[in-house]
Amino acid sequence: MLSYVALGLLFFVGLVLFYGVIVIHDIPYEIAKERNHPHQDAIHVAGWVSLFTLHVLWPFLWIWATLYRPERGWGFQAVQEQQKADEALLVQLQETLNAQAERIALLEQKLEDRA
């Protein structure tokens, strides 16, 4: 009786490990699918290939799946555009600050002339 329980437990653990590996290798594909990644099919196939290479490719698939975001695409274009807009705003603020400093200097000069 005990040997049948042990055999059943061994079979159950084997199945859990087998399906656990399959679920883990599919994580990059699930990320890609959630983000509407343009290469989600390639990531899925590469995940299956990764099973035969003992998951050597898996970290790279994870990176590949997480690089793409629907709101910004592949790169940091939105960030770069925001930085350019911020730089232009800083230049404008610096010019305004310089003009205000000149105006204050003129007002101080007029006050000194009156005194």
N, C-alpha and C. Protein backbone atom coordinates (compact mmCIF):
# COMPACT_ATOMS: atom_id res chain seq x y z
N MET A 1 0.82 -1.21 0.00
CA MET A 1 0.00 0.00 0.00
C MET A 1 0.86 1.26 0.00
N LEU A 2 1.87 1.31 0.86
CA LEU A 2 2.73 2.48 0.96
C LEU A 2 3.52 2.70 -0.33
N SER A 3 3.90 1.62 -1.01
CA SER A 3 4.65 1.77 -2.26
C SER A 3 3.77 2.37 -3.36
N TYR A 4 2.47 2.09 -3.32
CA TYR A 4 1.56 2.70 -4.29
C TYR A 4 1.39 4.20 -4.02
N VAL A 5 1.34 4.58 -2.78
CA VAL A 5 1.26 6.00 -2.41
C VAL A 5 2.52 6.72 -2.85
N ALA A 6 3.67 6.09 -2.60
CA ALA A 6 4.94 6.69 -3.00
C ALA A 6 5.02 6.82 -4.52
N LEU A 7 4.56 5.79 -5.24
CA LEU A 7 4.56 5.83 -6.70
C LEU A 7 3.62 6.93 -7.21
N GLY A 8 2.45 7.04 -6.59
CA GLY A 8 1.51 8.10 -6.97
C GLY A 8 2.07 9.48 -6.70
N LEU A 9 2.73 9.63 -5.55
CA LEU A 9 3.36 10.91 -5.21
C LEU A 9 4.48 11.24 -6.18
N LEU A 10 5.28 10.25 -6.54
CA LEU A 10 6.36 10.45 -7.51
C LEU A 10 5.80 10.87 -8.87
N PHE A 11 4.73 10.21 -9.28
CA PHE A 11 4.09 10.55 -10.55
C PHE A 11 3.52 11.98 -10.50
N PHE A 12 2.88 12.34 -9.39
CA PHE A 12 2.32 13.68 -9.23
C PHE A 12 3.40 14.76 -9.25
N VAL A 13 4.50 14.54 -8.55
CA VAL A 13 5.61 15.50 -8.53
C VAL A 13 6.22 15.63 -9.92
N GLY A 14 6.34 14.52 -10.63
CA GLY A 14 6.86 14.58 -12.00
C GLY A 14 5.97 15.42 -12.91
N LEU A 15 4.66 15.22 -12.81
CA LEU A 15 3.73 16.01 -13.63
C LEU A 15 3.78 17.49 -13.27
N VAL A 16 3.83 17.80 -11.98
CA VAL A 16 3.89 19.19 -11.55
C VAL A 16 5.17 19.85 -12.06
N LEU A 17 6.29 19.15 -11.97
CA LEU A 17 7.55 19.71 -12.49
C LEU A 17 7.49 19.91 -14.00
N PHE A 18 6.96 18.93 -14.70
CA PHE A 18 6.86 19.02 -16.16
C PHE A 18 6.02 20.22 -16.58
N TYR A 19 4.81 20.35 -16.02
CA TYR A 19 3.95 21.47 -16.38
C TYR A 19 4.45 22.79 -15.80
N GLY A 20 5.14 22.73 -14.68
CA GLY A 20 5.73 23.94 -14.11
C GLY A 20 6.78 24.55 -15.02
N VAL A 21 7.61 23.69 -15.61
CA VAL A 21 8.63 24.18 -16.55
C VAL A 21 7.96 24.80 -17.77
N ILE A 22 6.89 24.19 -18.25
CA ILE A 22 6.19 24.74 -19.41
C ILE A 22 5.56 26.09 -19.08
N VAL A 23 4.97 26.21 -17.90
CA VAL A 23 4.36 27.48 -17.51
C VAL A 23 5.43 28.56 -17.35
N ILE A 24 6.56 28.21 -16.74
CA ILE A 24 7.63 29.19 -16.54
C ILE A 24 8.21 29.64 -17.87
N HIS A 25 8.39 28.73 -18.80
CA HIS A 25 8.99 29.13 -20.08
C HIS A 25 8.05 30.01 -20.88
N ASP A 26 6.77 30.01 -20.58
CA ASP A 26 5.79 30.82 -21.31
C ASP A 26 5.63 32.23 -20.75
N ILE A 27 6.29 32.57 -19.68
CA ILE A 27 6.15 33.90 -19.08
C ILE A 27 6.50 35.02 -20.06
N PRO A 28 7.64 34.96 -20.79
CA PRO A 28 7.92 36.05 -21.75
C PRO A 28 6.83 36.19 -22.81
N TYR A 29 6.27 35.08 -23.26
CA TYR A 29 5.19 35.15 -24.25
C TYR A 29 3.96 35.84 -23.66
N GLU A 30 3.64 35.53 -22.42
CA GLU A 30 2.49 36.17 -21.77
C GLU A 30 2.71 37.67 -21.62
N ILE A 31 3.93 38.07 -21.29
CA ILE A 31 4.26 39.49 -21.20
C ILE A 31 4.09 40.14 -22.57
N ALA A 32 4.62 39.49 -23.61
CA ALA A 32 4.52 40.03 -24.97
C ALA A 32 3.07 40.14 -25.41
N LYS A 33 2.27 39.15 -25.08
CA LYS A 33 0.86 39.17 -25.47
C LYS A 33 0.12 40.30 -24.75
N GLU A 34 0.44 40.50 -23.49
CA GLU A 34 -0.20 41.57 -22.72
C GLU A 34 0.15 42.95 -23.26
N ARG A 35 1.37 43.10 -23.77
CA ARG A 35 1.83 44.41 -24.27
C ARG A 35 1.58 44.58 -25.77
N ASN A 36 0.90 43.65 -26.41
CA ASN A 36 0.69 43.68 -27.87
C ASN A 36 2.01 43.82 -28.61
N HIS A 37 2.97 43.03 -28.22
CA HIS A 37 4.31 43.05 -28.81
C HIS A 37 4.22 42.61 -30.26
N PRO A 38 4.89 43.32 -31.18
CA PRO A 38 4.80 42.94 -32.59
C PRO A 38 5.47 41.59 -32.90
N HIS A 39 6.33 41.10 -32.02
CA HIS A 39 7.03 39.84 -32.26
C HIS A 39 6.60 38.75 -31.28
N GLN A 40 5.37 38.79 -30.83
CA GLN A 40 4.96 37.84 -29.80
C GLN A 40 4.99 36.40 -30.29
N ASP A 41 4.73 36.16 -31.56
CA ASP A 41 4.80 34.79 -32.08
C ASP A 41 6.24 34.28 -32.07
N ALA A 42 7.18 35.15 -32.45
CA ALA A 42 8.59 34.76 -32.43
C ALA A 42 9.06 34.49 -31.00
N ILE A 43 8.59 35.27 -30.06
CA ILE A 43 8.96 35.06 -28.66
C ILE A 43 8.39 33.73 -28.18
N HIS A 44 7.18 33.40 -28.61
CA HIS A 44 6.58 32.13 -28.21
C HIS A 44 7.37 30.95 -28.76
N VAL A 45 7.73 31.01 -30.02
CA VAL A 45 8.50 29.92 -30.64
C VAL A 45 9.88 29.83 -29.99
N ALA A 46 10.51 30.97 -29.77
CA ALA A 46 11.83 30.96 -29.13
C ALA A 46 11.75 30.41 -27.71
N GLY A 47 10.62 30.60 -27.04
CA GLY A 47 10.43 30.00 -25.73
C GLY A 47 10.44 28.48 -25.79
N TRP A 48 9.80 27.93 -26.82
CA TRP A 48 9.82 26.48 -26.99
C TRP A 48 11.21 25.98 -27.35
N VAL A 49 11.92 26.75 -28.17
CA VAL A 49 13.30 26.38 -28.49
C VAL A 49 14.15 26.43 -27.23
N SER A 50 13.84 27.38 -26.36
CA SER A 50 14.58 27.52 -25.11
C SER A 50 14.45 26.28 -24.23
N LEU A 51 13.35 25.53 -24.35
CA LEU A 51 13.22 24.28 -23.61
C LEU A 51 14.31 23.29 -23.99
N PHE A 52 14.69 23.28 -25.26
CA PHE A 52 15.70 22.34 -25.72
C PHE A 52 17.12 22.83 -25.45
N THR A 53 17.26 24.09 -25.13
CA THR A 53 18.60 24.63 -24.81
C THR A 53 18.73 24.85 -23.30
N LEU A 54 17.90 24.17 -22.53
CA LEU A 54 17.91 24.24 -21.06
C LEU A 54 17.71 25.67 -20.56
N HIS A 55 16.86 26.38 -21.22
CA HIS A 55 16.45 27.75 -20.86
C HIS A 55 17.59 28.77 -20.92
N VAL A 56 18.58 28.52 -21.76
CA VAL A 56 19.66 29.50 -21.92
C VAL A 56 19.13 30.77 -22.57
N LEU A 57 18.17 30.64 -23.48
CA LEU A 57 17.61 31.80 -24.17
C LEU A 57 16.59 32.56 -23.34
N TRP A 58 16.09 31.95 -22.30
CA TRP A 58 14.95 32.48 -21.55
C TRP A 58 15.17 33.90 -21.02
N PRO A 59 16.31 34.23 -20.40
CA PRO A 59 16.49 35.61 -19.93
C PRO A 59 16.45 36.63 -21.06
N PHE A 60 16.98 36.25 -22.22
CA PHE A 60 16.96 37.16 -23.36
C PHE A 60 15.54 37.34 -23.90
N LEU A 61 14.75 36.28 -23.83
CA LEU A 61 13.35 36.40 -24.24
C LEU A 61 12.58 37.32 -23.30
N TRP A 62 12.89 37.22 -22.02
CA TRP A 62 12.25 38.09 -21.03
C TRP A 62 12.57 39.56 -21.36
N ILE A 63 13.84 39.84 -21.62
CA ILE A 63 14.26 41.22 -21.96
C ILE A 63 13.57 41.66 -23.25
N TRP A 64 13.57 40.80 -24.26
CA TRP A 64 12.96 41.12 -25.54
C TRP A 64 11.47 41.43 -25.37
N ALA A 65 10.80 40.66 -24.54
CA ALA A 65 9.36 40.87 -24.33
C ALA A 65 9.08 42.15 -23.57
N THR A 66 9.95 42.53 -22.66
CA THR A 66 9.69 43.72 -21.84
C THR A 66 10.19 45.01 -22.48
N LEU A 67 10.96 44.94 -23.54
CA LEU A 67 11.47 46.17 -24.17
C LEU A 67 10.36 46.98 -24.83
N TYR A 68 9.38 46.33 -25.40
CA TYR A 68 8.34 47.02 -26.16
C TYR A 68 7.19 47.42 -25.24
N ARG A 69 6.77 48.66 -25.38
CA ARG A 69 5.58 49.14 -24.68
C ARG A 69 4.68 49.84 -25.69
N PRO A 70 3.40 49.59 -25.66
CA PRO A 70 2.51 50.17 -26.67
C PRO A 70 2.52 51.70 -26.66
N GLU A 71 2.65 52.31 -25.49
CA GLU A 71 2.57 53.77 -25.43
C GLU A 71 3.85 54.47 -25.90
N ARG A 72 4.99 53.78 -25.89
CA ARG A 72 6.22 54.43 -26.30
C ARG A 72 6.99 53.70 -27.37
N GLY A 73 6.58 52.49 -27.72
CA GLY A 73 7.27 51.73 -28.75
C GLY A 73 8.53 51.07 -28.21
N TRP A 74 9.57 51.05 -29.04
CA TRP A 74 10.78 50.33 -28.69
C TRP A 74 11.72 51.12 -27.80
N GLY A 75 11.85 52.38 -28.10
CA GLY A 75 12.90 53.12 -27.43
C GLY A 75 12.38 54.11 -26.42
N PHE A 76 13.18 55.11 -26.26
CA PHE A 76 12.85 56.13 -25.29
C PHE A 76 12.55 57.44 -26.01
N GLN A 77 11.82 57.35 -27.13
CA GLN A 77 11.54 58.53 -27.93
C GLN A 77 10.72 59.54 -27.15
N ALA A 78 9.75 59.08 -26.41
CA ALA A 78 8.93 60.01 -25.64
C ALA A 78 9.77 60.69 -24.57
N VAL A 79 10.67 59.95 -23.98
CA VAL A 79 11.55 60.53 -22.95
C VAL A 79 12.47 61.55 -23.59
N GLN A 80 13.04 61.23 -24.74
CA GLN A 80 13.93 62.17 -25.42
C GLN A 80 13.17 63.42 -25.86
N GLU A 81 11.96 63.26 -26.36
CA GLU A 81 11.16 64.42 -26.75
C GLU A 81 10.84 65.28 -25.54
N GLN A 82 10.54 64.66 -24.41
CA GLN A 82 10.27 65.41 -23.18
C GLN A 82 11.51 66.15 -22.72
N GLN A 83 12.69 65.53 -22.84
CA GLN A 83 13.92 66.19 -22.45
C GLN A 83 14.20 67.40 -23.34
N LYS A 84 13.93 67.28 -24.64
CA LYS A 84 14.12 68.42 -25.55
C LYS A 84 13.16 69.55 -25.19
N ALA A 85 11.92 69.20 -24.89
CA ALA A 85 10.94 70.21 -24.49
C ALA A 85 11.36 70.88 -23.18
N ASP A 86 11.89 70.10 -22.25
CA ASP A 86 12.36 70.65 -20.98
C ASP A 86 13.54 71.58 -21.19
N GLU A 87 14.45 71.20 -22.09
CA GLU A 87 15.61 72.06 -22.38
C GLU A 87 15.15 73.39 -22.99
N ALA A 88 14.19 73.32 -23.91
CA ALA A 88 13.67 74.56 -24.51
C ALA A 88 13.01 75.43 -23.45
N LEU A 89 12.29 74.82 -22.55
CA LEU A 89 11.66 75.56 -21.47
C LEU A 89 12.70 76.19 -20.55
N LEU A 90 13.78 75.47 -20.27
CA LEU A 90 14.84 76.02 -19.44
C LEU A 90 15.51 77.23 -20.10
N VAL A 91 15.71 77.15 -21.41
CA VAL A 91 16.30 78.29 -22.13
C VAL A 91 15.36 79.49 -22.04
N GLN A 92 14.08 79.25 -22.24
CA GLN A 92 13.10 80.33 -22.15
C GLN A 92 13.06 80.93 -20.75
N LEU A 93 13.10 80.08 -19.74
CA LEU A 93 13.10 80.58 -18.36
C LEU A 93 14.37 81.37 -18.05
N GLN A 94 15.49 80.92 -18.57
CA GLN A 94 16.75 81.64 -18.34
C GLN A 94 16.70 83.02 -19.00
N GLU A 95 16.15 83.10 -20.20
CA GLU A 95 16.02 84.40 -20.87
C GLU A 95 15.10 85.33 -20.08
N THR A 96 13.99 84.79 -19.58
CA THR A 96 13.08 85.59 -18.76
C THR A 96 13.75 86.05 -17.48
N LEU A 97 14.51 85.17 -16.86
CA LEU A 97 15.23 85.52 -15.64
C LEU A 97 16.26 86.60 -15.90
N ASN A 98 16.98 86.52 -17.00
CA ASN A 98 17.96 87.56 -17.35
C ASN A 98 17.28 88.90 -17.60
N ALA A 99 16.12 88.87 -18.29
CA ALA A 99 15.40 90.11 -18.54
C ALA A 99 14.91 90.72 -17.22
N GLN A 100 14.44 89.90 -16.31
CA GLN A 100 13.99 90.41 -15.01
C GLN A 100 15.16 90.97 -14.20
N ALA A 101 16.32 90.32 -14.29
CA ALA A 101 17.49 90.82 -13.57
C ALA A 101 17.90 92.19 -14.12
N GLU A 102 17.85 92.36 -15.44
CA GLU A 102 18.17 93.67 -16.03
C GLU A 102 17.17 94.73 -15.58
N ARG A 103 15.90 94.35 -15.54
CA ARG A 103 14.86 95.30 -15.12
C ARG A 103 15.06 95.71 -13.66
N ILE A 104 15.39 94.75 -12.81
CA ILE A 104 15.65 95.07 -11.41
C ILE A 104 16.86 95.99 -11.28
N ALA A 105 17.89 95.72 -12.07
CA ALA A 105 19.08 96.56 -12.02
C ALA A 105 18.74 97.99 -12.44
N LEU A 106 17.90 98.16 -13.47
CA LEU A 106 17.49 99.49 -13.90
C LEU A 106 16.68 100.20 -12.81
N LEU A 107 15.76 99.48 -12.17
CA LEU A 107 14.96 100.07 -11.10
C LEU A 107 15.84 100.48 -9.92
N GLU A 108 16.81 99.66 -9.58
CA GLU A 108 17.73 100.02 -8.50
C GLU A 108 18.54 101.25 -8.85
N GLN A 109 18.95 101.33 -10.12
CA GLN A 109 19.72 102.51 -10.57
C GLN A 109 18.86 103.78 -10.47
N LYS A 110 17.58 103.68 -10.85
CA LYS A 110 16.68 104.85 -10.75
C LYS A 110 16.49 105.26 -9.30
N LEU A 111 16.38 104.28 -8.39
CA LEU A 111 16.24 104.59 -6.97
C LEU A 111 17.49 105.27 -6.44
N GLU A 112 18.65 104.85 -6.87
CA GLU A 112 19.90 105.47 -6.42
C GLU A 112 20.01 106.90 -6.97
N ASP A 113 19.55 107.12 -8.20
CA ASP A 113 19.60 108.45 -8.79
C ASP A 113 18.67 109.41 -8.06
N ARG A 114 17.52 108.95 -7.58
CA ARG A 114 16.58 109.79 -6.86
C ARG A 114 17.12 110.14 -5.47
N ALA A 115 17.88 109.26 -4.89
CA ALA A 115 18.36 109.51 -3.53
C ALA A 115 19.55 110.42 -3.44
